[in-house]
């Protein structure tokens, strides 16, 4: 596990904005260290840019259009030749990258670096590149001079590049070490630690092999079964006891949130059991045995699962026409319909969420035509329902 330094600890402890602080730290290092400026210049040259050795670096300059390039390298009194835009996991702003590219001076070609986590590059680069279409890319082909580094040239001569924090800081660290810049090397270590901390727990773009590999959920369920078997054998051997205790510490099959989708009670869940049995990725929409008539305030029971399945028949696997890219209706052995919600791969999290919302909208439209009889007089009290008032909960189905 990466070492947490004092700098990264204070940022986490006091809730400081990590991107702003990392950017300020990067500018501070470049301002202090000729060796790090040379290392950055070498990376730019590898991307096909021509960068003057005399550039002066500064941070967070706001232009008239409101764009805020993070670190700017420019000759004294001149427009930027180099812009480094530091990001961790925040989404792109409207000015990225077009507003920043417009800030590059026209007297000579410059370079815009998007400095991002290594694991984010594959998903973020296509989106950054697509936003540059008004600037007209020279070619659809990208130059890839090294791991964690990718670049393309624009028709105005400028270079658009993406580099990982890992590669850029590693190059700077080597340069500072060789130049015996001990204090700078320690500063780089602090910044590297912050970047490592930001990578922990981040939602990484999904890979197709991950969501289609059914051995993953089966293995996780196997681990839970292993704990259960060890527990029982320890009890049988007289080594342990479960007197007065209940099973705890997590639930092996599904984790999700209850919600009302129109009049239907559903569970939106990561369902390891269904993923392992049927594939189609981890996310499922599971219909519950309670529903709420239109205009009513309480939930009632006796859900017509057969009618739900009939209305969702266009989503059945046998009815798919254009690949399994939309919601997929499955009917397990208990007769309750379940809808698999395939997740987009190789894209940012907000694209994944938007895709699932579109699938939920499709399910809602299909079910909105069901006409149900008047509900029974008795309705279910909150105590009789699952704990659906909590936003998120885990449970063992």
Foldseek 3Di string as FASTA:
>chain_A
DFDADPLLVVCVVVVPDLQLVLLQLVQVLCQVDLLLLVLVQVLVVLQVADDDSQWHKDAFDADPVRDTFGIFTDHVPDFGQETEREDEFDDDDPVPPVVVCVRHDLVGAHEYEDEYALLACLAVVVVSVVVCVVQAWPDPDWDDSDRQKIWTATPSGYIYMYGYLVVSLVSSLVSCVVVVVVVSNVSSSNSVSNNVVSPPPDDGFADPCVQQDLVVLVVQLVVVVVVVVVVVVCVVVVNDDQVPHDDDDAANAWWFAWDALPFWIWTFIQGSVCCNVPGLGRTKIWTDQWTHDPPGDFIAGDDPQVVLCVLCVCQDPVNDDPPNQAWHWDQDPVRHIMIRGHADGSHRPVVRVVSSVVRSVVSSVSPVPDDDDDGDPDGDDCVRDPVNVDGIDGDHD
